[in-house]
N, C-alpha and C. Protein backbone atom coordinates (compact mmCIF):
# COMPACT_ATOMS: atom_id res chain seq x y z
N UNK A 1 -192.43 56.52 42.91
CA UNK A 1 -191.98 57.91 42.95
C UNK A 1 -190.95 58.14 41.84
N UNK A 2 -191.03 59.25 41.19
CA UNK A 2 -190.07 59.61 40.15
C UNK A 2 -188.72 59.92 40.78
N UNK A 3 -187.68 59.69 39.99
CA UNK A 3 -186.33 59.99 40.50
C UNK A 3 -186.22 61.50 40.70
N UNK A 4 -185.57 61.94 41.78
CA UNK A 4 -185.51 63.37 42.08
C UNK A 4 -184.56 64.17 41.20
N UNK A 5 -183.85 63.52 40.27
CA UNK A 5 -182.91 64.26 39.43
C UNK A 5 -183.42 64.32 37.99
N UNK A 6 -183.07 65.40 37.32
CA UNK A 6 -183.43 65.58 35.92
C UNK A 6 -182.22 66.16 35.20
N UNK A 7 -181.84 65.52 34.10
CA UNK A 7 -180.72 65.99 33.29
C UNK A 7 -181.23 67.03 32.31
N UNK A 8 -180.51 68.14 32.21
CA UNK A 8 -180.87 69.23 31.29
C UNK A 8 -179.67 69.50 30.40
N UNK A 9 -179.89 69.52 29.10
CA UNK A 9 -178.82 69.87 28.15
C UNK A 9 -179.25 71.15 27.44
N UNK A 10 -178.85 72.33 27.97
CA UNK A 10 -179.25 73.59 27.35
C UNK A 10 -178.84 73.65 25.88
N UNK A 11 -179.73 74.13 25.05
CA UNK A 11 -179.47 74.15 23.60
C UNK A 11 -178.33 75.08 23.22
N UNK A 12 -178.01 76.04 24.08
CA UNK A 12 -176.94 76.97 23.75
C UNK A 12 -175.61 76.61 24.42
N UNK A 13 -175.50 75.37 24.93
CA UNK A 13 -174.23 74.85 25.44
C UNK A 13 -173.84 73.64 24.59
N UNK A 14 -172.53 73.43 24.40
CA UNK A 14 -172.12 72.26 23.62
C UNK A 14 -172.48 70.97 24.35
N UNK A 15 -172.98 69.99 23.61
CA UNK A 15 -173.31 68.70 24.18
C UNK A 15 -172.02 67.91 24.34
N UNK A 16 -171.82 67.33 25.50
CA UNK A 16 -170.64 66.52 25.78
C UNK A 16 -171.07 65.07 25.96
N UNK A 17 -170.33 64.15 25.39
CA UNK A 17 -170.65 62.74 25.57
C UNK A 17 -170.10 62.20 26.89
N UNK A 18 -169.23 62.96 27.53
CA UNK A 18 -168.59 62.49 28.76
C UNK A 18 -169.37 62.82 30.03
N UNK A 19 -170.28 63.79 29.94
CA UNK A 19 -171.03 64.18 31.14
C UNK A 19 -172.23 65.04 30.74
N UNK A 20 -173.12 65.26 31.70
CA UNK A 20 -174.26 66.16 31.51
C UNK A 20 -173.83 67.57 31.87
N UNK A 21 -174.47 68.55 31.25
CA UNK A 21 -174.14 69.96 31.54
C UNK A 21 -174.83 70.46 32.81
N UNK A 22 -176.08 70.03 33.03
CA UNK A 22 -176.86 70.50 34.17
C UNK A 22 -177.71 69.34 34.69
N UNK A 23 -177.77 69.22 36.01
CA UNK A 23 -178.68 68.26 36.64
C UNK A 23 -179.43 69.02 37.72
N UNK A 24 -180.76 68.90 37.70
CA UNK A 24 -181.56 69.50 38.76
C UNK A 24 -182.01 68.39 39.70
N UNK A 25 -182.22 68.76 40.96
CA UNK A 25 -182.65 67.78 41.97
C UNK A 25 -183.77 68.40 42.79
N UNK A 26 -184.84 67.64 42.97
CA UNK A 26 -185.92 68.05 43.87
C UNK A 26 -186.21 66.90 44.81
N UNK A 27 -186.08 67.14 46.09
CA UNK A 27 -186.33 66.10 47.09
C UNK A 27 -185.22 65.07 47.13
N UNK A 28 -185.41 64.05 47.93
CA UNK A 28 -184.41 62.99 48.04
C UNK A 28 -183.39 63.27 49.13
N UNK A 29 -182.46 62.34 49.28
CA UNK A 29 -181.40 62.42 50.28
C UNK A 29 -180.07 62.61 49.58
N UNK A 30 -179.32 63.64 49.97
CA UNK A 30 -177.99 63.89 49.40
C UNK A 30 -176.98 62.93 50.00
N UNK A 31 -176.10 62.42 49.13
CA UNK A 31 -175.02 61.53 49.54
C UNK A 31 -173.72 62.12 49.01
N UNK A 32 -172.74 62.27 49.87
CA UNK A 32 -171.44 62.78 49.48
C UNK A 32 -170.42 61.65 49.68
N UNK A 33 -169.78 61.25 48.60
CA UNK A 33 -168.77 60.19 48.67
C UNK A 33 -167.40 60.85 48.60
N UNK A 34 -166.59 60.62 49.61
CA UNK A 34 -165.24 61.18 49.67
C UNK A 34 -164.42 60.73 48.46
N UNK A 35 -163.36 61.42 48.18
CA UNK A 35 -162.49 61.05 47.07
C UNK A 35 -162.02 59.61 47.21
N UNK A 36 -162.37 58.79 46.23
CA UNK A 36 -161.97 57.39 46.22
C UNK A 36 -160.75 57.24 45.33
N UNK A 37 -159.80 56.42 45.77
CA UNK A 37 -158.59 56.15 45.01
C UNK A 37 -158.48 54.66 44.75
N UNK A 38 -157.45 54.27 44.04
CA UNK A 38 -157.24 52.88 43.69
C UNK A 38 -156.55 52.17 44.84
N UNK A 39 -157.35 51.83 45.84
CA UNK A 39 -156.85 51.14 47.02
C UNK A 39 -157.60 49.83 47.20
N UNK A 40 -156.88 48.85 47.66
CA UNK A 40 -157.44 47.53 47.92
C UNK A 40 -158.54 47.60 48.96
N UNK A 41 -159.63 46.90 48.72
CA UNK A 41 -160.72 46.86 49.70
C UNK A 41 -160.33 46.06 50.95
N UNK A 42 -159.28 45.27 50.85
CA UNK A 42 -158.85 44.44 51.98
C UNK A 42 -158.00 45.20 52.99
N UNK A 43 -157.01 45.95 52.50
CA UNK A 43 -156.10 46.60 53.44
C UNK A 43 -155.77 48.06 53.08
N UNK A 44 -156.49 48.61 52.12
CA UNK A 44 -156.35 50.02 51.73
C UNK A 44 -154.99 50.39 51.13
N UNK A 45 -154.21 49.40 50.71
CA UNK A 45 -152.94 49.72 50.05
C UNK A 45 -153.22 50.07 48.59
N UNK A 46 -152.43 50.98 48.00
CA UNK A 46 -152.60 51.31 46.60
C UNK A 46 -152.41 50.09 45.70
N UNK A 47 -153.24 49.98 44.66
CA UNK A 47 -153.15 48.87 43.72
C UNK A 47 -153.11 49.41 42.29
N UNK A 48 -152.60 48.61 41.38
CA UNK A 48 -152.54 48.92 39.94
C UNK A 48 -151.62 50.10 39.62
N UNK A 49 -150.46 50.12 40.24
CA UNK A 49 -149.49 51.19 40.01
C UNK A 49 -149.16 51.29 38.51
N UNK A 50 -149.25 52.51 37.98
CA UNK A 50 -148.89 52.77 36.59
C UNK A 50 -149.93 52.38 35.56
N UNK A 51 -151.09 51.87 35.97
CA UNK A 51 -152.13 51.41 35.05
C UNK A 51 -153.41 52.22 35.28
N UNK A 52 -153.57 53.29 34.50
CA UNK A 52 -154.70 54.20 34.68
C UNK A 52 -156.04 53.49 34.50
N UNK A 53 -156.17 52.65 33.48
CA UNK A 53 -157.44 51.96 33.25
C UNK A 53 -157.83 51.11 34.46
N UNK A 54 -156.89 50.35 34.99
CA UNK A 54 -157.17 49.52 36.16
C UNK A 54 -157.46 50.37 37.39
N UNK A 55 -156.79 51.50 37.50
CA UNK A 55 -157.06 52.39 38.62
C UNK A 55 -158.47 52.98 38.52
N UNK A 56 -158.89 53.37 37.33
CA UNK A 56 -160.26 53.88 37.16
C UNK A 56 -161.25 52.80 37.58
N UNK A 57 -161.02 51.57 37.13
CA UNK A 57 -161.91 50.46 37.49
C UNK A 57 -161.97 50.29 39.01
N UNK A 58 -160.82 50.28 39.69
CA UNK A 58 -160.78 50.11 41.14
C UNK A 58 -161.48 51.27 41.84
N UNK A 59 -161.24 52.48 41.38
CA UNK A 59 -161.89 53.65 41.97
C UNK A 59 -163.41 53.52 41.84
N UNK A 60 -163.89 53.14 40.66
CA UNK A 60 -165.33 52.99 40.46
C UNK A 60 -165.89 51.86 41.30
N UNK A 61 -165.16 50.78 41.44
CA UNK A 61 -165.62 49.69 42.33
C UNK A 61 -165.73 50.20 43.77
N UNK A 62 -164.78 51.01 44.20
CA UNK A 62 -164.82 51.57 45.56
C UNK A 62 -165.98 52.54 45.72
N UNK A 63 -166.23 53.37 44.70
CA UNK A 63 -167.40 54.26 44.74
C UNK A 63 -168.67 53.43 44.84
N UNK A 64 -168.74 52.37 44.05
CA UNK A 64 -169.92 51.50 44.08
C UNK A 64 -170.16 50.93 45.47
N UNK A 65 -169.11 50.53 46.16
CA UNK A 65 -169.24 50.00 47.53
C UNK A 65 -169.81 51.08 48.46
N UNK A 66 -169.29 52.30 48.32
CA UNK A 66 -169.77 53.40 49.16
C UNK A 66 -171.25 53.68 48.88
N UNK A 67 -171.63 53.71 47.61
CA UNK A 67 -173.02 53.97 47.26
C UNK A 67 -173.94 52.88 47.78
N UNK A 68 -173.56 51.63 47.59
CA UNK A 68 -174.40 50.51 48.06
C UNK A 68 -174.60 50.55 49.58
N UNK A 69 -173.61 51.04 50.30
CA UNK A 69 -173.70 51.10 51.76
C UNK A 69 -174.86 51.97 52.23
N UNK A 70 -175.31 52.90 51.38
CA UNK A 70 -176.42 53.78 51.75
C UNK A 70 -177.64 53.57 50.85
N UNK A 71 -177.65 52.47 50.10
CA UNK A 71 -178.81 52.17 49.26
C UNK A 71 -178.86 52.91 47.95
N UNK A 72 -177.71 53.37 47.48
CA UNK A 72 -177.64 54.11 46.21
C UNK A 72 -176.86 53.30 45.18
N UNK A 73 -176.90 53.77 43.93
CA UNK A 73 -176.09 53.17 42.88
C UNK A 73 -175.63 54.27 41.93
N UNK A 74 -174.92 53.89 40.89
CA UNK A 74 -174.34 54.88 39.98
C UNK A 74 -175.40 55.74 39.29
N UNK A 75 -176.60 55.23 39.11
CA UNK A 75 -177.64 56.03 38.47
C UNK A 75 -178.09 57.19 39.36
N UNK A 76 -177.76 57.15 40.65
CA UNK A 76 -178.12 58.22 41.58
C UNK A 76 -177.08 59.34 41.63
N UNK A 77 -175.92 59.13 41.03
CA UNK A 77 -174.84 60.12 41.08
C UNK A 77 -175.18 61.31 40.18
N UNK A 78 -175.09 62.52 40.75
CA UNK A 78 -175.40 63.73 40.00
C UNK A 78 -174.17 64.58 39.70
N UNK A 79 -173.05 64.32 40.41
CA UNK A 79 -171.84 65.10 40.16
C UNK A 79 -170.61 64.30 40.55
N UNK A 80 -169.58 64.40 39.74
CA UNK A 80 -168.28 63.83 40.08
C UNK A 80 -167.21 64.89 39.89
N UNK A 81 -166.18 64.78 40.69
CA UNK A 81 -164.96 65.57 40.49
C UNK A 81 -163.82 64.58 40.43
N UNK A 82 -163.08 64.62 39.33
CA UNK A 82 -161.98 63.69 39.10
C UNK A 82 -160.66 64.46 39.16
N UNK A 83 -159.74 63.95 39.95
CA UNK A 83 -158.39 64.50 40.05
C UNK A 83 -157.46 63.46 39.45
N UNK A 84 -156.58 63.88 38.55
CA UNK A 84 -155.64 62.93 37.95
C UNK A 84 -154.26 63.55 37.81
N UNK A 85 -153.26 62.69 37.89
CA UNK A 85 -151.88 63.14 37.72
C UNK A 85 -151.47 63.11 36.25
N UNK A 86 -152.34 62.58 35.38
CA UNK A 86 -152.02 62.48 33.95
C UNK A 86 -153.30 62.64 33.12
N UNK A 87 -153.63 63.87 32.76
CA UNK A 87 -154.86 64.17 32.04
C UNK A 87 -154.90 63.45 30.69
N UNK A 88 -153.80 63.43 29.97
CA UNK A 88 -153.79 62.79 28.65
C UNK A 88 -154.09 61.29 28.76
N UNK A 89 -153.46 60.62 29.71
CA UNK A 89 -153.70 59.19 29.90
C UNK A 89 -155.14 58.95 30.36
N UNK A 90 -155.65 59.82 31.21
CA UNK A 90 -157.04 59.69 31.65
C UNK A 90 -157.97 59.73 30.43
N UNK A 91 -157.79 60.70 29.55
CA UNK A 91 -158.65 60.80 28.36
C UNK A 91 -158.52 59.56 27.47
N UNK A 92 -157.34 58.99 27.41
CA UNK A 92 -157.12 57.81 26.57
C UNK A 92 -157.94 56.61 27.05
N UNK A 93 -158.14 56.49 28.37
CA UNK A 93 -158.83 55.31 28.92
C UNK A 93 -160.10 55.66 29.69
N UNK A 94 -160.60 56.88 29.54
CA UNK A 94 -161.77 57.30 30.33
C UNK A 94 -163.04 56.53 29.97
N UNK A 95 -163.04 55.82 28.86
CA UNK A 95 -164.20 55.00 28.52
C UNK A 95 -164.48 53.96 29.60
N UNK A 96 -163.49 53.64 30.40
CA UNK A 96 -163.67 52.66 31.48
C UNK A 96 -164.77 53.10 32.45
N UNK A 97 -164.87 54.39 32.69
CA UNK A 97 -165.89 54.85 33.64
C UNK A 97 -167.31 54.69 33.12
N UNK A 98 -167.48 54.58 31.79
CA UNK A 98 -168.82 54.40 31.23
C UNK A 98 -169.35 52.99 31.49
N UNK A 99 -168.53 52.10 31.98
CA UNK A 99 -169.01 50.79 32.41
C UNK A 99 -169.77 50.92 33.73
N UNK A 100 -169.60 52.04 34.40
CA UNK A 100 -170.26 52.29 35.69
C UNK A 100 -171.30 53.40 35.56
N UNK A 101 -170.92 54.49 34.94
CA UNK A 101 -171.85 55.60 34.71
C UNK A 101 -172.45 55.40 33.32
N UNK A 102 -173.65 54.81 33.26
CA UNK A 102 -174.19 54.34 31.99
C UNK A 102 -175.25 55.25 31.37
N UNK A 103 -176.08 55.87 32.17
CA UNK A 103 -177.16 56.69 31.61
C UNK A 103 -177.32 57.93 32.47
N UNK A 104 -177.95 58.95 31.92
CA UNK A 104 -178.09 60.21 32.65
C UNK A 104 -176.79 60.55 33.36
N UNK A 105 -175.76 60.74 32.55
CA UNK A 105 -174.42 60.98 33.11
C UNK A 105 -174.42 62.16 34.08
N UNK A 106 -173.65 62.06 35.15
CA UNK A 106 -173.58 63.16 36.10
C UNK A 106 -172.82 64.35 35.51
N UNK A 107 -173.00 65.50 36.15
CA UNK A 107 -172.12 66.62 35.82
C UNK A 107 -170.72 66.19 36.26
N UNK A 108 -169.71 66.83 35.71
CA UNK A 108 -168.36 66.33 35.98
C UNK A 108 -167.33 67.44 35.84
N UNK A 109 -166.29 67.33 36.63
CA UNK A 109 -165.13 68.21 36.50
C UNK A 109 -163.88 67.33 36.51
N UNK A 110 -162.91 67.68 35.69
CA UNK A 110 -161.64 66.98 35.62
C UNK A 110 -160.54 67.96 35.97
N UNK A 111 -159.71 67.60 36.94
CA UNK A 111 -158.66 68.50 37.41
C UNK A 111 -157.32 67.77 37.39
N UNK A 112 -156.35 68.34 36.70
CA UNK A 112 -154.99 67.79 36.69
C UNK A 112 -154.25 68.26 37.93
N UNK A 113 -153.59 67.32 38.60
CA UNK A 113 -152.84 67.63 39.82
C UNK A 113 -151.43 67.07 39.71
N UNK A 114 -150.52 67.61 40.49
CA UNK A 114 -149.15 67.15 40.47
C UNK A 114 -149.00 65.78 41.14
N UNK A 115 -149.73 65.60 42.25
CA UNK A 115 -149.61 64.35 43.01
C UNK A 115 -150.85 64.14 43.85
N UNK A 116 -151.18 62.86 44.09
CA UNK A 116 -152.26 62.51 45.00
C UNK A 116 -151.66 62.04 46.32
N UNK A 117 -152.45 61.45 47.20
CA UNK A 117 -152.02 61.11 48.56
C UNK A 117 -150.87 60.11 48.61
N UNK A 118 -150.70 59.29 47.57
CA UNK A 118 -149.61 58.31 47.51
C UNK A 118 -149.03 58.40 46.11
N UNK A 119 -147.71 58.27 45.95
CA UNK A 119 -147.10 58.44 44.63
C UNK A 119 -147.56 57.42 43.58
N UNK A 120 -148.11 56.27 43.97
CA UNK A 120 -148.59 55.28 43.00
C UNK A 120 -150.00 55.58 42.50
N UNK A 121 -150.70 56.49 43.16
CA UNK A 121 -152.08 56.81 42.78
C UNK A 121 -152.09 57.81 41.63
N UNK A 122 -152.89 57.51 40.60
CA UNK A 122 -152.99 58.36 39.41
C UNK A 122 -154.34 59.06 39.30
N UNK A 123 -155.34 58.59 40.06
CA UNK A 123 -156.68 59.13 39.91
C UNK A 123 -157.43 59.08 41.24
N UNK A 124 -158.26 60.09 41.46
CA UNK A 124 -159.15 60.14 42.63
C UNK A 124 -160.46 60.74 42.15
N UNK A 125 -161.57 60.12 42.53
CA UNK A 125 -162.89 60.62 42.13
C UNK A 125 -163.76 60.75 43.37
N UNK A 126 -164.35 61.95 43.53
CA UNK A 126 -165.37 62.13 44.57
C UNK A 126 -166.71 62.25 43.87
N UNK A 127 -167.77 61.89 44.58
CA UNK A 127 -169.09 61.86 43.95
C UNK A 127 -170.16 62.43 44.88
N UNK A 128 -171.20 62.97 44.27
CA UNK A 128 -172.39 63.41 44.98
C UNK A 128 -173.57 62.69 44.33
N UNK A 129 -174.42 62.11 45.17
CA UNK A 129 -175.59 61.39 44.67
C UNK A 129 -176.84 61.87 45.39
N UNK A 130 -177.99 61.54 44.80
CA UNK A 130 -179.29 61.83 45.42
C UNK A 130 -180.11 60.55 45.39
N UNK A 131 -180.53 60.10 46.56
CA UNK A 131 -181.37 58.90 46.65
C UNK A 131 -182.82 59.35 46.72
N UNK A 132 -183.68 58.78 45.88
CA UNK A 132 -185.10 59.12 45.96
C UNK A 132 -185.64 58.83 47.36
N UNK A 133 -186.59 59.63 47.81
CA UNK A 133 -187.12 59.50 49.16
C UNK A 133 -187.63 58.11 49.47
N UNK A 134 -188.22 57.44 48.50
CA UNK A 134 -188.78 56.11 48.76
C UNK A 134 -187.71 55.02 48.88
N UNK A 135 -186.44 55.34 48.56
CA UNK A 135 -185.34 54.38 48.69
C UNK A 135 -184.37 54.75 49.79
N UNK A 136 -184.49 55.92 50.38
CA UNK A 136 -183.54 56.37 51.40
C UNK A 136 -183.61 55.47 52.62
N UNK A 137 -182.43 55.14 53.16
CA UNK A 137 -182.35 54.30 54.37
C UNK A 137 -182.58 55.13 55.61
């Protein structure tokens, strides 16, 4: 079965290397991943205080765990929303997320915020994915 998502880059919109402009979905199972932060998988305490690159890595590892729990992976993600306390630092190290989001990049929004749930947290990412019907659990 073909993947239920299709990336569209309208010719009259600027092409972005950081995300896709439009993703269409037909069929499949929707997956909503709550905002993931840089918390230890062992005891949920914040980790990597002051290190945006390491926090992005931890957040993506946590998203990966959530996706695997339902039979999905990063290629199934169609949308992300990123909240950060430091937009400039995020842009400086955002290449870290391309180690996880490799092809058919999801649509994306980046939002600067004053603070997240804990003062040591610098980034939070929520995700929406679509699992093809033949892989849905």
